[in-house]
Amino acid sequence: MNTNTLLPFTSLSNIIFNFTRFKKKSLALLYLLLLEYSSYLEMIRNKKLHKTILKINMVDLVESRIIFEPQKSMALNYSHINSLVKINKYLIAGSCKDFILIWDLRDGVIIKTLYLDDIGEKINCLVKMNDSQIISGNNKSIIIWDIKNGTQLKKILVNWEIQKFIKIDEYRLAILRYNIISVLNLQTELLYKLEGHTGNIAALVKVDKNTLITSGEDLTVRIWDLENPKCIQVLDECHSDDIWYLERLSKILFATGSNDSLIKIWKLNKKSNNDDKFNLDDEIICLRTLQGHDDSVLCIIKINGHQLVSSSVDKTIKLWDYSIGTCLKTFTGHKHLVSIVIKINNKQIVSSSMDQTVRIRDLFY
């Protein structure tokens, strides 16, 4: 079998596969069920059975376990996955619609589907809270979920769309809104705002409990002190185009990914005696530039002490040795831009694409 083949799934095909697997009916009955395929598709188009079929589709995607073979995928024809989180044995995916999927990574089966309450709500991002909880940022609310029993522990209504956020600690969130970072507690009390960017902020990453790095459309990278809220460093014109992604590589290294197709590795040179935090007199220099993508870099993930993975609008994923600036391997297979990559372990990653597929692949084989 061609290892690059995508395996599309529809609601009816999942029903048929599960039916034949567990009921072991005759091929004749399977043929009759296939004849009903077009009518099911028509009902989906007319949204007559949207919720019912969607839930059946989530119950047990038997062939999803094939995603554990390199270059195989599970097609999610009902939505694009815009956020991925790994917690222990679970892979948790947020859709661009109103649901969250939870896979068991041991066999690739979807074990739970969590739905938003309100019509019109959609999930924009997911963040790990702890080993049993996640936080979803939606267009109308922030929700804390218990992933073991699938319940909402807390729902916080907001009057703006949550585009992206990170957890600073157990009590505080940093939320992007255009060119401002709002720091809130979990009671949605606004603690303070960080202002300085002149364009929309695209990325933020926490260095430690007191330091935040942001980047965006104004071509700058900014370092923020969260203890005494202020900007303490500005790197001007780090790239020639929008800076879409930031990744912390170590206490003194971080990476930027840009619309100019480049990845840059940055180093903090400490000049002060305070080694616990950034300071105004510390120097930040560009160590090297990783060049190889043909279009915008959308995601960067550290794999180990000297390797990272990047994804791009050019539909590829690349494995780099960032200590020497060399591309070690290029992965293809997605049919559209690859928006998200996360690390499962030091040998495997998960990627999500606008081609509506999620792939788990081996980095070394």
Protein backbone atom coordinates (compact mmCIF):
# COMPACT_ATOMS: atom_id res chain seq x y z
CA MET A 1 0.00 0.00 0.00
CA ASN A 2 1.19 3.51 -0.80
CA THR A 3 2.22 4.93 2.58
CA ASN A 4 1.19 8.39 1.50
CA THR A 5 -2.42 7.35 0.90
CA LEU A 6 -5.00 9.26 2.92
CA LEU A 7 -7.84 7.21 4.30
CA PRO A 8 -11.02 9.28 4.11
CA PHE A 9 -13.81 8.56 6.55
CA THR A 10 -17.46 9.51 6.35
CA SER A 11 -20.12 8.96 8.95
CA LEU A 12 -21.67 6.11 7.02
CA SER A 13 -18.38 4.37 6.29
CA ASN A 14 -17.57 4.33 10.00
CA ILE A 15 -20.98 2.80 10.74
CA ILE A 16 -20.45 0.16 8.06
CA PHE A 17 -16.93 -0.70 9.23
CA ASN A 18 -17.95 -1.04 12.85
CA PHE A 19 -21.07 -2.99 11.87
CA THR A 20 -19.15 -5.52 9.84
CA ARG A 21 -16.35 -5.76 12.40
CA PHE A 22 -18.54 -6.48 15.37
CA LYS A 23 -21.70 -8.03 13.83
CA LYS A 24 -19.91 -9.94 11.06
CA LYS A 25 -22.83 -9.70 8.64
CA SER A 26 -22.67 -10.88 5.06
CA LEU A 27 -21.15 -9.04 2.15
CA ALA A 28 -24.60 -8.80 0.65
CA LEU A 29 -25.81 -6.70 3.55
CA LEU A 30 -22.71 -4.55 3.30
CA TYR A 31 -23.52 -3.96 -0.37
CA LEU A 32 -27.06 -2.88 0.49
CA LEU A 33 -25.76 -0.45 3.07
CA LEU A 34 -23.38 1.05 0.54
CA LEU A 35 -26.33 1.78 -1.74
CA GLU A 36 -27.64 4.12 0.93
CA TYR A 37 -24.45 6.14 0.88
CA SER A 38 -25.69 8.95 -1.35
CA SER A 39 -28.84 9.51 0.71
CA TYR A 40 -26.81 9.84 3.89
CA LEU A 41 -24.55 12.40 2.24
CA GLU A 42 -27.57 14.35 1.12
CA MET A 43 -28.97 14.40 4.65
CA ILE A 44 -25.63 15.64 5.94
CA ARG A 45 -25.64 18.43 3.38
CA ASN A 46 -29.13 19.40 4.47
CA LYS A 47 -28.00 19.24 8.11
CA LYS A 48 -30.87 16.91 8.96
CA LEU A 49 -28.68 14.41 10.79
CA HIS A 50 -25.64 16.57 11.58
CA LYS A 51 -25.48 16.05 15.35
CA THR A 52 -26.53 12.38 15.28
CA ILE A 53 -24.08 11.28 12.62
CA LEU A 54 -21.29 13.40 14.06
CA LYS A 55 -21.61 11.62 17.41
CA ILE A 56 -21.65 8.19 15.75
CA ASN A 57 -18.57 9.23 13.81
CA MET A 58 -16.71 9.95 17.04
CA VAL A 59 -17.55 6.72 18.85
CA ASP A 60 -15.03 4.27 17.42
CA LEU A 61 -12.97 5.01 14.34
CA VAL A 62 -11.64 1.49 14.07
CA GLU A 63 -9.05 2.19 11.39
CA SER A 64 -7.69 5.26 13.18
CA ARG A 65 -5.05 3.01 14.70
CA ILE A 66 -3.31 3.03 11.31
CA ILE A 67 -2.16 6.57 12.05
CA PHE A 68 0.60 4.98 14.12
CA GLU A 69 2.30 3.78 10.92
CA PRO A 70 4.59 6.39 9.33
CA GLN A 71 2.88 8.61 6.77
CA LYS A 72 -0.61 7.24 7.47
CA SER A 73 -3.46 9.52 8.43
CA MET A 74 -7.00 9.71 9.67
CA ALA A 75 -9.21 12.04 7.68
CA LEU A 76 -11.54 14.28 9.64
CA ASN A 77 -13.91 15.34 6.91
CA TYR A 78 -16.20 17.21 9.24
CA SER A 79 -13.78 19.87 10.47
CA HIS A 80 -10.25 21.25 10.44
CA ILE A 81 -8.34 20.67 13.69
CA ASN A 82 -6.87 23.97 14.89
CA SER A 83 -5.26 22.92 18.20
CA LEU A 84 -3.64 19.80 19.65
CA VAL A 85 -2.63 18.92 23.20
CA LYS A 86 -1.06 15.72 24.56
CA ILE A 87 -1.79 14.69 28.14
CA ASN A 88 -0.36 11.34 29.21
CA LYS A 89 -1.95 8.70 26.94
CA TYR A 90 -4.45 11.10 25.41
CA LEU A 91 -4.31 13.27 22.30
CA ILE A 92 -6.83 16.10 22.54
CA ALA A 93 -7.90 18.07 19.48
CA GLY A 94 -9.92 21.25 19.20
CA SER A 95 -11.93 21.75 16.03
CA CYS A 96 -12.86 24.94 14.24
CA LYS A 97 -16.43 24.07 15.17
CA ASP A 98 -18.04 23.30 18.51
CA PHE A 99 -16.38 20.09 19.73
CA ILE A 100 -13.21 18.62 21.21
CA LEU A 101 -11.99 15.11 20.36
CA ILE A 102 -10.05 12.89 22.75
CA TRP A 103 -8.02 10.01 21.32
CA ASP A 104 -6.41 7.17 23.23
CA LEU A 105 -2.89 7.17 21.79
CA ARG A 106 -2.41 3.50 22.56
CA ASP A 107 -4.85 2.36 19.87
CA GLY A 108 -5.88 5.54 18.05
CA VAL A 109 -9.53 5.31 19.02
CA ILE A 110 -11.58 8.42 19.80
CA ILE A 111 -12.94 7.80 23.28
CA LYS A 112 -14.74 11.07 24.01
CA THR A 113 -16.26 14.05 22.26
CA LEU A 114 -16.83 17.22 24.26
CA TYR A 115 -19.36 19.75 22.95
CA LEU A 116 -19.75 23.44 23.58
CA ASP A 117 -23.15 24.46 24.94
CA ASP A 118 -24.04 27.47 22.85
CA ILE A 119 -24.94 27.50 19.17
CA GLY A 120 -22.44 29.55 17.24
CA GLU A 121 -19.54 28.99 19.62
CA LYS A 122 -16.31 27.63 18.18
CA ILE A 123 -13.03 26.50 19.68
CA ASN A 124 -9.98 28.60 18.81
CA CYS A 125 -7.29 27.10 21.05
CA LEU A 126 -6.57 24.51 23.74
CA VAL A 127 -4.07 24.64 26.59
CA LYS A 128 -3.10 21.98 29.12
CA MET A 129 -4.11 22.95 32.65
CA ASN A 130 -2.77 19.85 34.43
CA ASP A 131 -2.73 16.06 33.94
CA SER A 132 -6.52 15.81 34.00
CA GLN A 133 -7.74 19.19 32.77
CA ILE A 134 -7.58 21.38 29.68
CA ILE A 135 -8.67 24.95 29.01
CA SER A 136 -10.41 25.89 25.78
CA GLY A 137 -10.45 29.42 24.42
CA ASN A 138 -13.61 30.02 22.44
CA ASN A 139 -15.19 32.94 20.65
CA LYS A 140 -17.47 33.63 23.63
CA SER A 141 -15.93 31.93 26.66
CA ILE A 142 -13.06 30.23 28.45
CA ILE A 143 -13.89 26.72 29.67
CA ILE A 144 -11.97 24.40 32.01
CA TRP A 145 -12.69 20.74 31.14
CA ASP A 146 -12.16 17.50 33.02
CA ILE A 147 -10.92 15.15 30.29
CA LYS A 148 -11.51 11.97 32.28
CA ASN A 149 -15.26 12.36 32.67
CA GLY A 150 -15.80 14.89 29.88
CA THR A 151 -17.43 17.58 32.00
CA GLN A 152 -17.12 21.35 32.16
CA LEU A 153 -15.64 22.34 35.52
CA LYS A 154 -15.85 26.06 34.96
CA LYS A 155 -17.13 28.38 32.25
CA ILE A 156 -16.08 32.01 32.13
CA LEU A 157 -17.99 34.27 29.78
CA VAL A 158 -16.01 36.98 27.99
CA ASN A 159 -17.03 39.82 25.72
CA TRP A 160 -14.35 39.23 23.09
CA GLU A 161 -13.07 36.33 21.00
CA ILE A 162 -10.21 34.36 22.56
CA GLN A 163 -7.75 33.95 19.68
CA LYS A 164 -4.77 32.52 21.54
CA PHE A 165 -3.62 32.27 25.14
CA ILE A 166 -1.12 30.53 27.39
CA LYS A 167 -1.15 29.49 31.02
CA ILE A 168 1.34 31.51 33.06
CA ASP A 169 0.76 29.50 36.23
CA GLU A 170 -2.13 27.81 38.06
CA TYR A 171 -3.86 31.13 38.57
CA ARG A 172 -3.09 33.36 35.59
CA LEU A 173 -3.63 33.36 31.82
CA ALA A 174 -2.04 35.60 29.19
CA ILE A 175 -4.53 36.24 26.38
CA LEU A 176 -3.87 37.80 22.98
CA ARG A 177 -6.24 40.41 21.66
CA TYR A 178 -4.99 42.19 18.56
CA ASN A 179 -1.85 44.10 19.69
CA ILE A 180 -2.42 43.77 23.46
CA ILE A 181 -1.71 40.97 25.95
CA SER A 182 -4.25 40.84 28.77
CA VAL A 183 -3.22 39.00 31.93
CA LEU A 184 -6.24 37.62 33.78
CA ASN A 185 -6.84 35.36 36.72
CA LEU A 186 -9.24 32.42 36.46
CA GLN A 187 -12.08 34.58 37.76
CA THR A 188 -11.53 36.73 34.60
CA GLU A 189 -10.35 39.61 36.73
CA LEU A 190 -8.05 41.73 34.59
CA LEU A 191 -4.74 42.04 36.42
CA TYR A 192 -2.95 44.20 33.86
CA LYS A 193 -2.31 44.75 30.15
CA LEU A 194 0.96 44.63 28.24
CA GLU A 195 1.03 47.16 25.42
CA GLY A 196 3.73 48.08 22.94
CA HIS A 197 3.25 46.13 19.72
CA THR A 198 2.14 48.28 16.79
CA GLY A 199 0.57 45.39 14.88
CA ASN A 200 -1.40 42.28 15.74
CA ILE A 201 0.40 39.81 17.98
CA ALA A 202 0.66 36.34 16.44
CA ALA A 203 2.66 34.35 19.01
CA LEU A 204 3.57 34.26 22.66
CA VAL A 205 5.64 31.90 24.77
CA LYS A 206 6.52 31.76 28.44
CA VAL A 207 10.22 31.61 29.31
CA ASP A 208 9.66 31.32 33.06
CA LYS A 209 7.03 32.42 35.59
CA ASN A 210 8.16 36.04 35.27
CA THR A 211 9.08 36.36 31.60
CA LEU A 212 7.02 36.32 28.40
CA ILE A 213 8.10 36.65 24.75
CA THR A 214 5.75 37.88 22.01
CA SER A 215 5.98 38.49 18.26
CA GLY A 216 3.71 39.55 15.45
CA GLU A 217 2.93 41.67 12.43
CA ASP A 218 5.16 44.59 13.43
CA LEU A 219 8.26 42.41 12.74
CA THR A 220 9.44 42.75 16.35
CA VAL A 221 10.04 40.33 19.21
CA ARG A 222 9.36 41.73 22.66
CA ILE A 223 10.46 40.44 26.07
CA TRP A 224 8.09 41.21 28.97
CA ASP A 225 8.61 41.25 32.72
CA LEU A 226 5.46 39.81 34.32
CA GLU A 227 6.54 40.55 37.88
CA ASN A 228 6.81 44.29 37.25
CA PRO A 229 4.63 44.47 34.12
CA LYS A 230 6.65 46.15 31.39
CA CYS A 231 8.56 45.51 28.17
CA ILE A 232 12.25 45.04 28.91
CA GLN A 233 13.61 44.17 25.44
CA VAL A 234 12.62 44.92 21.85
CA LEU A 235 14.22 43.19 18.86
CA ASP A 236 13.41 45.25 15.77
CA GLU A 237 13.02 43.81 12.29
CA CYS A 238 13.90 40.28 13.32
CA HIS A 239 12.42 39.04 10.03
CA SER A 240 11.35 40.67 6.79
CA ASP A 241 7.71 39.64 7.29
CA ASP A 242 5.20 38.72 10.02
CA ILE A 243 6.58 36.51 12.81
CA TRP A 244 4.00 33.75 13.25
CA TYR A 245 5.59 31.46 15.82
CA LEU A 246 7.85 31.38 18.89
CA GLU A 247 9.36 28.36 20.61
CA ARG A 248 11.50 28.24 23.73
CA LEU A 249 14.48 25.93 23.22
CA SER A 250 16.27 26.44 26.55
CA LYS A 251 16.74 29.06 29.26
CA ILE A 252 18.88 31.10 26.88
CA LEU A 253 17.66 30.01 23.42
CA PHE A 254 14.42 30.55 21.52
CA ALA A 255 13.30 30.23 17.89
CA THR A 256 11.15 32.42 15.65
CA GLY A 257 9.24 31.34 12.53
CA SER A 258 8.11 33.87 9.96
CA ASN A 259 6.04 34.57 6.91
CA ASP A 260 9.39 35.09 5.15
CA SER A 261 9.85 31.26 5.27
CA LEU A 262 12.81 31.48 7.67
CA ILE A 263 13.46 30.14 11.16
CA LYS A 264 15.91 32.03 13.34
CA ILE A 265 17.64 30.84 16.51
CA TRP A 266 18.20 33.52 19.16
CA LYS A 267 20.46 33.51 22.21
CA LEU A 268 20.39 35.57 25.39
CA ASN A 269 23.82 36.74 26.43
CA LYS A 270 23.67 37.58 30.12
CA LYS A 271 25.51 40.74 31.12
CA SER A 272 23.87 41.17 34.50
CA ASN A 273 24.46 39.21 37.68
CA ASN A 274 20.80 38.23 37.89
CA ASP A 275 20.63 34.89 36.10
CA ASP A 276 16.99 34.25 36.95
CA LYS A 277 15.39 36.76 34.59
CA PHE A 278 15.92 38.96 31.55
CA ASN A 279 17.21 42.46 32.16
CA LEU A 280 17.42 45.66 30.14
CA ASP A 281 21.19 45.39 29.74
CA ASP A 282 21.18 41.77 28.53
CA GLU A 283 22.01 41.21 24.87
CA ILE A 284 19.99 39.03 22.49
CA ILE A 285 21.75 37.87 19.33
CA CYS A 286 20.76 35.77 16.31
CA LEU A 287 22.88 32.61 16.30
CA ARG A 288 21.79 31.21 12.96
CA THR A 289 19.07 31.11 10.33
CA LEU A 290 17.40 27.90 9.15
CA GLN A 291 16.46 28.15 5.49
CA GLY A 292 14.59 25.44 3.60
CA HIS A 293 10.84 26.03 3.63
CA ASP A 294 9.28 27.47 0.48
CA ASP A 295 6.54 29.39 2.28
CA SER A 296 5.46 30.75 5.67
CA VAL A 297 6.58 28.88 8.79
CA LEU A 298 3.51 28.21 10.93
CA CYS A 299 4.78 26.05 13.80
CA ILE A 300 8.04 25.14 15.57
CA ILE A 301 8.41 22.43 18.20
CA LYS A 302 11.53 21.45 20.12
CA ILE A 303 12.20 17.69 19.96
CA ASN A 304 15.34 17.33 22.08
CA GLY A 305 18.49 19.19 23.06
CA HIS A 306 19.54 20.02 19.51
CA GLN A 307 16.63 19.18 17.20
CA LEU A 308 13.38 20.90 16.31
CA VAL A 309 10.51 20.31 13.91
CA SER A 310 8.81 22.97 11.79
CA SER A 311 5.68 23.04 9.62
CA SER A 312 4.75 25.35 6.81
CA VAL A 313 2.26 26.62 4.27
CA ASP A 314 4.40 24.67 1.76
CA LYS A 315 2.64 21.48 3.05
CA THR A 316 5.83 20.00 4.51
CA ILE A 317 7.27 19.23 7.93
CA LYS A 318 11.02 19.51 8.44
CA LEU A 319 13.32 18.05 11.08
CA TRP A 320 16.32 20.29 11.87
CA ASP A 321 19.50 20.13 13.88
CA TYR A 322 19.34 23.72 15.09
CA SER A 323 22.77 23.51 16.74
CA ILE A 324 24.38 23.48 13.29
CA GLY A 325 21.49 24.82 11.17
CA THR A 326 20.99 21.70 9.05
CA CYS A 327 17.73 20.21 7.75
CA LEU A 328 17.90 16.48 8.50
CA LYS A 329 14.67 15.32 6.91
CA THR A 330 11.60 16.61 5.06
CA PHE A 331 8.21 14.93 5.53
CA THR A 332 5.49 15.18 2.89
CA GLY A 333 2.00 13.73 2.64
CA HIS A 334 -0.33 16.53 3.69
CA LYS A 335 -2.27 18.06 0.81
CA HIS A 336 -2.61 21.53 2.32
CA LEU A 337 -0.74 23.81 4.74
CA VAL A 338 0.38 22.15 7.98
CA SER A 339 -0.86 24.41 10.76
CA ILE A 340 0.07 22.47 13.92
CA VAL A 341 2.73 20.02 15.04
CA ILE A 342 3.10 18.67 18.57
CA LYS A 343 5.57 16.26 20.11
CA ILE A 344 4.37 12.89 21.44
CA ASN A 345 7.82 11.73 22.49
CA ASN A 346 11.39 12.07 21.22
CA LYS A 347 10.58 9.88 18.22
CA GLN A 348 7.02 10.75 17.19
CA ILE A 349 5.01 13.84 16.31
CA VAL A 350 1.39 14.64 15.47
CA SER A 351 0.50 17.11 12.73
CA SER A 352 -2.75 18.73 11.67
CA SER A 353 -3.43 20.26 8.28
CA MET A 354 -6.03 22.25 6.42
CA ASP A 355 -6.50 19.09 4.35
CA GLN A 356 -8.61 17.96 7.35
CA THR A 357 -6.27 15.17 8.38
CA VAL A 358 -4.31 14.40 11.53
CA ARG A 359 -1.13 12.37 11.11
CA ILE A 360 1.06 10.59 13.63
CA ARG A 361 4.46 9.80 12.21
CA ASP A 362 7.87 8.50 13.25
CA LEU A 363 10.71 10.98 12.99
CA PHE A 364 13.37 8.30 12.74
CA TYR A 365 12.77 5.16 10.69
